[in-house]
């Protein structure tokens, strides 16, 4: 019954409330970085706020302690080559801790109780489809390096972080279409994205860049569709 609030606290603390500068400082200084401790404190505060029960402060304490040691292990063991692997291992370990705490807190365990908070369920899905999904997609396709062409439209007329915000907006719109049972809207989004995005890529005449963007686009739509289906189930 506490699973959804804890997941929401994790998404907020690990993605939305952790600036890139903090991540860089932690990777450089490791346990000597003050931002590591700010990060842990934010997680503890978020858990306390979302659970809103001082009798459950022990859960916030466990989340804080385990989060610290998991993050510290990642900072010490990750290298440029295995950084992608450690990102997913780090997230899986955090979620595992949340699952175990949820089961321990509610011994009469039922799968349907994991998502019995309707409002928090929707909020968690929306939060996941913003920055967390962007980071996951970026990490997944980081094994490829897109080819860029000087003086092409793709390079000269691109807004700063435009792709990131376009991805967030399209995922949120797809999610809304699925929730309100208008699947035709998803088809419209895919068609619109194809017209506006891939016409520019065709002018760049870079097949690798087109394939790179296509993979990212399909991952983005796929994550939004799966999230919508899971929420409806």
C-alpha atoms as a PDB file:
ATOM      1  CA  UNK A   1       0.000   0.000   0.000  1.00  0.00           C
ATOM      2  CA  UNK A   2       3.022   2.284   0.333  1.00  0.00           C
ATOM      3  CA  UNK A   3       4.565   1.207  -2.969  1.00  0.00           C
ATOM      4  CA  UNK A   4       3.199   4.020  -5.132  1.00  0.00           C
ATOM      5  CA  UNK A   5       4.170   6.893  -2.777  1.00  0.00           C
ATOM      6  CA  UNK A   6       7.687   5.454  -2.469  1.00  0.00           C
ATOM      7  CA  UNK A   7       8.030   5.112  -6.250  1.00  0.00           C
ATOM      8  CA  UNK A   8       6.858   8.702  -6.712  1.00  0.00           C
ATOM      9  CA  UNK A   9       9.376   9.892  -4.103  1.00  0.00           C
ATOM     10  CA  UNK A  10      12.120   7.994  -5.941  1.00  0.00           C
ATOM     11  CA  UNK A  11      11.238   9.449  -9.350  1.00  0.00           C
ATOM     12  CA  UNK A  12      11.113  12.989  -7.969  1.00  0.00           C
ATOM     13  CA  UNK A  13      14.311  12.676  -5.943  1.00  0.00           C
ATOM     14  CA  UNK A  14      16.449  10.788  -8.446  1.00  0.00           C
ATOM     15  CA  UNK A  15      15.447  12.644 -11.605  1.00  0.00           C
ATOM     16  CA  UNK A  16      13.488  15.890 -11.241  1.00  0.00           C
ATOM     17  CA  UNK A  17      15.217  17.198  -8.097  1.00  0.00           C
ATOM     18  CA  UNK A  18      18.772  16.180  -8.963  1.00  0.00           C
ATOM     19  CA  UNK A  19      20.475  18.718 -11.259  1.00  0.00           C
ATOM     20  CA  UNK A  20      23.083  17.556 -13.752  1.00  0.00           C
ATOM     21  CA  UNK A  21      25.702  19.627 -11.912  1.00  0.00           C
ATOM     22  CA  UNK A  22      25.080  17.551  -8.783  1.00  0.00           C
ATOM     23  CA  UNK A  23      25.592  14.318 -10.721  1.00  0.00           C
ATOM     24  CA  UNK A  24      28.858  15.594 -12.216  1.00  0.00           C
ATOM     25  CA  UNK A  25      30.133  16.709  -8.803  1.00  0.00           C
ATOM     26  CA  UNK A  26      29.265  13.317  -7.260  1.00  0.00           C
ATOM     27  CA  UNK A  27      31.024  11.432 -10.054  1.00  0.00           C
ATOM     28  CA  UNK A  28      34.109  13.591  -9.603  1.00  0.00           C
ATOM     29  CA  UNK A  29      34.319  13.720  -5.782  1.00  0.00           C
ATOM     30  CA  UNK A  30      32.324  10.589  -4.868  1.00  0.00           C
ATOM     31  CA  UNK A  31      31.672  10.418  -1.090  1.00  0.00           C
ATOM     32  CA  UNK A  32      33.420  13.778  -0.631  1.00  0.00           C
ATOM     33  CA  UNK A  33      30.696  15.522  -2.627  1.00  0.00           C
ATOM     34  CA  UNK A  34      28.288  17.465  -0.451  1.00  0.00           C
ATOM     35  CA  UNK A  35      25.611  16.989  -3.122  1.00  0.00           C
ATOM     36  CA  UNK A  36      25.545  13.245  -2.415  1.00  0.00           C
ATOM     37  CA  UNK A  37      24.296  14.016   1.085  1.00  0.00           C
ATOM     38  CA  UNK A  38      21.868  16.692  -0.171  1.00  0.00           C
ATOM     39  CA  UNK A  39      20.528  14.068  -2.578  1.00  0.00           C
ATOM     40  CA  UNK A  40      19.966  11.537   0.223  1.00  0.00           C
ATOM     41  CA  UNK A  41      18.327  14.171   2.414  1.00  0.00           C
ATOM     42  CA  UNK A  42      15.911  15.076  -0.387  1.00  0.00           C
ATOM     43  CA  UNK A  43      14.876  11.425  -0.700  1.00  0.00           C
ATOM     44  CA  UNK A  44      14.243  11.147   3.046  1.00  0.00           C
ATOM     45  CA  UNK A  45      12.169  14.341   3.107  1.00  0.00           C
ATOM     46  CA  UNK A  46      10.132  13.260   0.060  1.00  0.00           C
ATOM     47  CA  UNK A  47       9.331   9.892   1.634  1.00  0.00           C
ATOM     48  CA  UNK A  48       8.230  11.566   4.880  1.00  0.00           C
ATOM     49  CA  UNK A  49       6.021  14.033   3.004  1.00  0.00           C
ATOM     50  CA  UNK A  50       4.369  11.469   0.729  1.00  0.00           C
ATOM     51  CA  UNK A  51       3.790   8.900   3.488  1.00  0.00           C
ATOM     52  CA  UNK A  52       2.698  11.670   5.874  1.00  0.00           C
ATOM     53  CA  UNK A  53       2.985   9.456   8.969  1.00  0.00           C
ATOM     54  CA  UNK A  54       5.718   9.920  11.574  1.00  0.00           C
ATOM     55  CA  UNK A  55       5.247   6.321  12.659  1.00  0.00           C
ATOM     56  CA  UNK A  56       6.696   5.347   9.280  1.00  0.00           C
ATOM     57  CA  UNK A  57       9.866   7.419   9.722  1.00  0.00           C
ATOM     58  CA  UNK A  58      11.801   4.134   9.900  1.00  0.00           C
ATOM     59  CA  UNK A  59      10.913   3.573   6.238  1.00  0.00           C
ATOM     60  CA  UNK A  60      12.362   6.973   5.317  1.00  0.00           C
ATOM     61  CA  UNK A  61      15.513   6.100   7.295  1.00  0.00           C
ATOM     62  CA  UNK A  62      15.939   2.765   5.495  1.00  0.00           C
ATOM     63  CA  UNK A  63      15.367   4.434   2.120  1.00  0.00           C
ATOM     64  CA  UNK A  64      18.008   7.046   2.953  1.00  0.00           C
ATOM     65  CA  UNK A  65      20.638   4.581   4.189  1.00  0.00           C
ATOM     66  CA  UNK A  66      20.186   2.070   1.370  1.00  0.00           C
ATOM     67  CA  UNK A  67      20.085   4.839  -1.237  1.00  0.00           C
ATOM     68  CA  UNK A  68      23.387   6.200   0.075  1.00  0.00           C
ATOM     69  CA  UNK A  69      25.225   2.877  -0.124  1.00  0.00           C
ATOM     70  CA  UNK A  70      23.757   1.964  -3.530  1.00  0.00           C
ATOM     71  CA  UNK A  71      24.735   5.360  -4.964  1.00  0.00           C
ATOM     72  CA  UNK A  72      28.181   5.156  -3.361  1.00  0.00           C
ATOM     73  CA  UNK A  73      28.771   1.693  -4.844  1.00  0.00           C
ATOM     74  CA  UNK A  74      27.783   3.010  -8.285  1.00  0.00           C
ATOM     75  CA  UNK A  75      30.073   6.041  -7.960  1.00  0.00           C
ATOM     76  CA  UNK A  76      33.034   3.906  -6.897  1.00  0.00           C
ATOM     77  CA  UNK A  77      32.591   1.042  -9.368  1.00  0.00           C
ATOM     78  CA  UNK A  78      31.316   2.686 -12.550  1.00  0.00           C
ATOM     79  CA  UNK A  79      33.664   3.505 -15.420  1.00  0.00           C
ATOM     80  CA  UNK A  80      33.033   5.201 -18.760  1.00  0.00           C
ATOM     81  CA  UNK A  81      32.591   1.735 -20.298  1.00  0.00           C
ATOM     82  CA  UNK A  82      30.128   0.302 -17.759  1.00  0.00           C
ATOM     83  CA  UNK A  83      28.357   3.532 -16.806  1.00  0.00           C
ATOM     84  CA  UNK A  84      25.258   2.550 -18.795  1.00  0.00           C
ATOM     85  CA  UNK A  85      25.069  -0.828 -17.025  1.00  0.00           C
ATOM     86  CA  UNK A  86      25.476   0.744 -13.607  1.00  0.00           C
ATOM     87  CA  UNK A  87      22.684   3.229 -14.291  1.00  0.00           C
ATOM     88  CA  UNK A  88      20.152   0.416 -14.730  1.00  0.00           C
ATOM     89  CA  UNK A  89      21.650  -1.665 -11.886  1.00  0.00           C
ATOM     90  CA  UNK A  90      21.367   1.357  -9.584  1.00  0.00           C
ATOM     91  CA  UNK A  91      17.711   1.918 -10.485  1.00  0.00           C
ATOM     92  CA  UNK A  92      16.820  -1.773 -10.124  1.00  0.00           C
ATOM     93  CA  UNK A  93      18.395  -1.933  -6.665  1.00  0.00           C
ATOM     94  CA  UNK A  94      16.482   1.152  -5.493  1.00  0.00           C
ATOM     95  CA  UNK A  95      13.203  -0.308  -6.772  1.00  0.00           C
ATOM     96  CA  UNK A  96      13.998  -3.655  -5.129  1.00  0.00           C
ATOM     97  CA  UNK A  97      14.391  -1.914  -1.769  1.00  0.00           C
ATOM     98  CA  UNK A  98      11.019  -0.195  -2.267  1.00  0.00           C
ATOM     99  CA  UNK A  99       9.337  -3.504  -3.183  1.00  0.00           C
ATOM    100  CA  UNK A 100      10.770  -5.263  -0.118  1.00  0.00           C
ATOM    101  CA  UNK A 101       9.699  -2.433   2.183  1.00  0.00           C
ATOM    102  CA  UNK A 102       6.200  -2.476   0.676  1.00  0.00           C
ATOM    103  CA  UNK A 103       5.856  -6.225   1.205  1.00  0.00           C
ATOM    104  CA  UNK A 104       7.259  -6.045   4.740  1.00  0.00           C
ATOM    105  CA  UNK A 105       4.953  -3.188   5.708  1.00  0.00           C
ATOM    106  CA  UNK A 106       1.860  -4.955   4.370  1.00  0.00           C
ATOM    107  CA  UNK A 107       2.242  -8.689   5.088  1.00  0.00           C
ATOM    108  CA  UNK A 108      -1.131  -9.631   3.563  1.00  0.00           C
ATOM    109  CA  UNK A 109       0.396  -9.044   0.180  1.00  0.00           C
ATOM    110  CA  UNK A 110      -1.727  -8.692  -2.962  1.00  0.00           C
ATOM    111  CA  UNK A 111      -0.451  -7.456  -6.315  1.00  0.00           C
ATOM    112  CA  UNK A 112      -3.457  -5.188  -6.850  1.00  0.00           C
ATOM    113  CA  UNK A 113      -2.596  -3.287  -3.662  1.00  0.00           C
ATOM    114  CA  UNK A 114       0.543  -1.929  -5.310  1.00  0.00           C
ATOM    115  CA  UNK A 115      -1.553   0.551  -7.308  1.00  0.00           C
ATOM    116  CA  UNK A 116      -4.536   1.295  -5.104  1.00  0.00           C
ATOM    117  CA  UNK A 117      -3.811   5.035  -4.871  1.00  0.00           C
ATOM    118  CA  UNK A 118      -5.416   6.236  -8.103  1.00  0.00           C
ATOM    119  CA  UNK A 119      -4.198   9.829  -7.978  1.00  0.00           C
ATOM    120  CA  UNK A 120      -0.630   8.955  -7.008  1.00  0.00           C
ATOM    121  CA  UNK A 121      -0.641   6.272  -9.683  1.00  0.00           C
ATOM    122  CA  UNK A 122      -1.392   8.818 -12.404  1.00  0.00           C
ATOM    123  CA  UNK A 123       1.077  11.335 -10.981  1.00  0.00           C
ATOM    124  CA  UNK A 124       3.812   8.687 -10.864  1.00  0.00           C
ATOM    125  CA  UNK A 125       3.134   7.771 -14.500  1.00  0.00           C
ATOM    126  CA  UNK A 126       3.272  11.420 -15.609  1.00  0.00           C
ATOM    127  CA  UNK A 127       6.507  12.019 -13.688  1.00  0.00           C
ATOM    128  CA  UNK A 128       8.036   8.863 -15.182  1.00  0.00           C
ATOM    129  CA  UNK A 129       7.189  10.005 -18.717  1.00  0.00           C
ATOM    130  CA  UNK A 130       9.068  13.288 -18.305  1.00  0.00           C
ATOM    131  CA  UNK A 131      12.739  13.436 -17.307  1.00  0.00           C
ATOM    132  CA  UNK A 132      13.138   9.779 -16.172  1.00  0.00           C
ATOM    133  CA  UNK A 133      12.030   8.435 -19.557  1.00  0.00           C
ATOM    134  CA  UNK A 134      14.274  10.939 -21.366  1.00  0.00           C
ATOM    135  CA  UNK A 135      17.292   9.747 -19.386  1.00  0.00           C
ATOM    136  CA  UNK A 136      16.404   6.080 -19.930  1.00  0.00           C
ATOM    137  CA  UNK A 137      16.053   6.584 -23.707  1.00  0.00           C
ATOM    138  CA  UNK A 138      19.263   8.607 -23.870  1.00  0.00           C
ATOM    139  CA  UNK A 139      21.094   5.878 -21.954  1.00  0.00           C
ATOM    140  CA  UNK A 140      19.709   3.087 -24.154  1.00  0.00           C
ATOM    141  CA  UNK A 141      20.778   4.739 -27.412  1.00  0.00           C
ATOM    142  CA  UNK A 142      24.095   6.028 -26.049  1.00  0.00           C
ATOM    143  CA  UNK A 143      25.879   3.086 -27.674  1.00  0.00           C
ATOM    144  CA  UNK A 144      25.404   4.838 -31.007  1.00  0.00           C
ATOM    145  CA  UNK A 145      26.787   8.227 -32.003  1.00  0.00           C
ATOM    146  CA  UNK A 146      24.638  10.119 -34.513  1.00  0.00           C
ATOM    147  CA  UNK A 147      26.310  11.620 -37.571  1.00  0.00           C
ATOM    148  CA  UNK A 148      25.889  15.381 -37.850  1.00  0.00           C
ATOM    149  CA  UNK A 149      26.410  17.530 -40.892  1.00  0.00           C
ATOM    150  CA  UNK A 150      27.731  21.078 -40.721  1.00  0.00           C
ATOM    151  CA  UNK A 151      25.449  23.740 -42.156  1.00  0.00           C
ATOM    152  CA  UNK A 152      22.485  21.360 -42.402  1.00  0.00           C
ATOM    153  CA  UNK A 153      19.034  22.229 -41.115  1.00  0.00           C
ATOM    154  CA  UNK A 154      19.347  19.558 -38.463  1.00  0.00           C
ATOM    155  CA  UNK A 155      22.329  21.355 -36.953  1.00  0.00           C
ATOM    156  CA  UNK A 156      21.824  25.062 -37.606  1.00  0.00           C
ATOM    157  CA  UNK A 157      18.117  25.439 -36.892  1.00  0.00           C
ATOM    158  CA  UNK A 158      17.795  23.165 -33.867  1.00  0.00           C
ATOM    159  CA  UNK A 159      16.691  24.759 -30.595  1.00  0.00           C
ATOM    160  CA  UNK A 160      18.561  24.036 -27.374  1.00  0.00           C
ATOM    161  CA  UNK A 161      17.144  20.863 -25.742  1.00  0.00           C
ATOM    162  CA  UNK A 162      14.276  20.898 -28.268  1.00  0.00           C
ATOM    163  CA  UNK A 163      14.433  17.135 -28.807  1.00  0.00           C
ATOM    164  CA  UNK A 164      14.193  16.488 -25.066  1.00  0.00           C
ATOM    165  CA  UNK A 165      11.066  18.614 -24.631  1.00  0.00           C
ATOM    166  CA  UNK A 166       9.454  17.312 -27.825  1.00  0.00           C
ATOM    167  CA  UNK A 167       9.921  13.784 -26.497  1.00  0.00           C
ATOM    168  CA  UNK A 168       8.382  14.668 -23.122  1.00  0.00           C
ATOM    169  CA  UNK A 169       5.375  16.353 -24.741  1.00  0.00           C
ATOM    170  CA  UNK A 170       4.746  13.523 -27.189  1.00  0.00           C
ATOM    171  CA  UNK A 171       4.897  10.907 -24.420  1.00  0.00           C
ATOM    172  CA  UNK A 172       2.469  12.863 -22.265  1.00  0.00           C
ATOM    173  CA  UNK A 173       0.055  13.328 -25.180  1.00  0.00           C
ATOM    174  CA  UNK A 174       0.218   9.637 -26.103  1.00  0.00           C
ATOM    175  CA  UNK A 175      -0.421   8.766 -22.448  1.00  0.00           C
ATOM    176  CA  UNK A 176      -3.485  11.038 -22.337  1.00  0.00           C
ATOM    177  CA  UNK A 177      -4.854   9.570 -25.579  1.00  0.00           C
ATOM    178  CA  UNK A 178      -4.578   6.037 -24.171  1.00  0.00           C
ATOM    179  CA  UNK A 179      -6.115   6.945 -20.796  1.00  0.00           C
ATOM    180  CA  UNK A 180      -9.174   8.513 -22.491  1.00  0.00           C
ATOM    181  CA  UNK A 181      -9.435   5.596 -24.978  1.00  0.00           C
ATOM    182  CA  UNK A 182      -8.596   7.603 -28.091  1.00  0.00           C
ATOM    183  CA  UNK A 183      -5.956   5.388 -29.702  1.00  0.00           C
ATOM    184  CA  UNK A 184      -6.427   7.170 -33.009  1.00  0.00           C
ATOM    185  CA  UNK A 185      -4.668  10.133 -31.391  1.00  0.00           C
ATOM    186  CA  UNK A 186      -1.527   8.000 -31.054  1.00  0.00           C
ATOM    187  CA  UNK A 187      -1.579   7.368 -34.794  1.00  0.00           C
ATOM    188  CA  UNK A 188      -1.994  11.087 -35.400  1.00  0.00           C
ATOM    189  CA  UNK A 189       1.026  11.823 -33.196  1.00  0.00           C
ATOM    190  CA  UNK A 190       3.203   9.315 -35.058  1.00  0.00           C
ATOM    191  CA  UNK A 191       2.135  10.749 -38.427  1.00  0.00           C
ATOM    192  CA  UNK A 192       2.753  14.334 -37.309  1.00  0.00           C
ATOM    193  CA  UNK A 193       6.165  13.453 -35.913  1.00  0.00           C
ATOM    194  CA  UNK A 194       7.097  11.725 -39.157  1.00  0.00           C
ATOM    195  CA  UNK A 195       6.086  14.686 -41.324  1.00  0.00           C
ATOM    196  CA  UNK A 196       7.835  17.388 -39.305  1.00  0.00           C
ATOM    197  CA  UNK A 197      10.911  15.478 -38.161  1.00  0.00           C
ATOM    198  CA  UNK A 198      11.910  13.141 -40.917  1.00  0.00           C
ATOM    199  CA  UNK A 199      11.495  15.679 -43.714  1.00  0.00           C
ATOM    200  CA  UNK A 200      14.412  17.603 -42.179  1.00  0.00           C
ATOM    201  CA  UNK A 201      16.432  14.409 -41.787  1.00  0.00           C
ATOM    202  CA  UNK A 202      15.851  13.555 -45.438  1.00  0.00           C
ATOM    203  CA  UNK A 203      17.361  16.906 -46.424  1.00  0.00           C
ATOM    204  CA  UNK A 204      20.406  16.140 -44.267  1.00  0.00           C
ATOM    205  CA  UNK A 205      20.896  12.921 -46.297  1.00  0.00           C
ATOM    206  CA  UNK A 206      22.334  11.078 -43.306  1.00  0.00           C
ATOM    207  CA  UNK A 207      20.956   7.559 -42.989  1.00  0.00           C
ATOM    208  CA  UNK A 208      22.673   6.883 -39.656  1.00  0.00           C
ATOM    209  CA  UNK A 209      21.239  10.045 -38.137  1.00  0.00           C
ATOM    210  CA  UNK A 210      17.764   9.137 -39.436  1.00  0.00           C
ATOM    211  CA  UNK A 211      18.003   5.645 -37.940  1.00  0.00           C
ATOM    212  CA  UNK A 212      19.260   7.084 -34.647  1.00  0.00           C
ATOM    213  CA  UNK A 213      16.287   9.467 -34.405  1.00  0.00           C
ATOM    214  CA  UNK A 214      13.871   6.719 -35.486  1.00  0.00           C
ATOM    215  CA  UNK A 215      15.069   4.401 -32.706  1.00  0.00           C
ATOM    216  CA  UNK A 216      14.697   7.166 -30.137  1.00  0.00           C
ATOM    217  CA  UNK A 217      11.219   8.048 -31.430  1.00  0.00           C
ATOM    218  CA  UNK A 218       9.974   4.452 -31.332  1.00  0.00           C
ATOM    219  CA  UNK A 219      11.390   3.979 -27.838  1.00  0.00           C
ATOM    220  CA  UNK A 220       9.649   7.164 -26.719  1.00  0.00           C
ATOM    221  CA  UNK A 221       6.272   6.127 -28.157  1.00  0.00           C
ATOM    222  CA  UNK A 222       6.718   2.571 -26.896  1.00  0.00           C
ATOM    223  CA  UNK A 223       7.405   3.679 -23.320  1.00  0.00           C
ATOM    224  CA  UNK A 224       4.367   5.988 -23.374  1.00  0.00           C
ATOM    225  CA  UNK A 225       2.080   3.276 -24.769  1.00  0.00           C
ATOM    226  CA  UNK A 226       3.238   0.653 -22.264  1.00  0.00           C
ATOM    227  CA  UNK A 227       2.861   3.092 -19.380  1.00  0.00           C
ATOM    228  CA  UNK A 228      -0.677   3.938 -20.477  1.00  0.00           C
ATOM    229  CA  UNK A 229      -1.613   0.268 -20.788  1.00  0.00           C
ATOM    230  CA  UNK A 230      -0.179  -0.560 -17.356  1.00  0.00           C
ATOM    231  CA  UNK A 231      -2.091   2.295 -15.734  1.00  0.00           C
ATOM    232  CA  UNK A 232      -5.362   1.207 -17.343  1.00  0.00           C
ATOM    233  CA  UNK A 233      -4.802  -2.414 -16.280  1.00  0.00           C
END
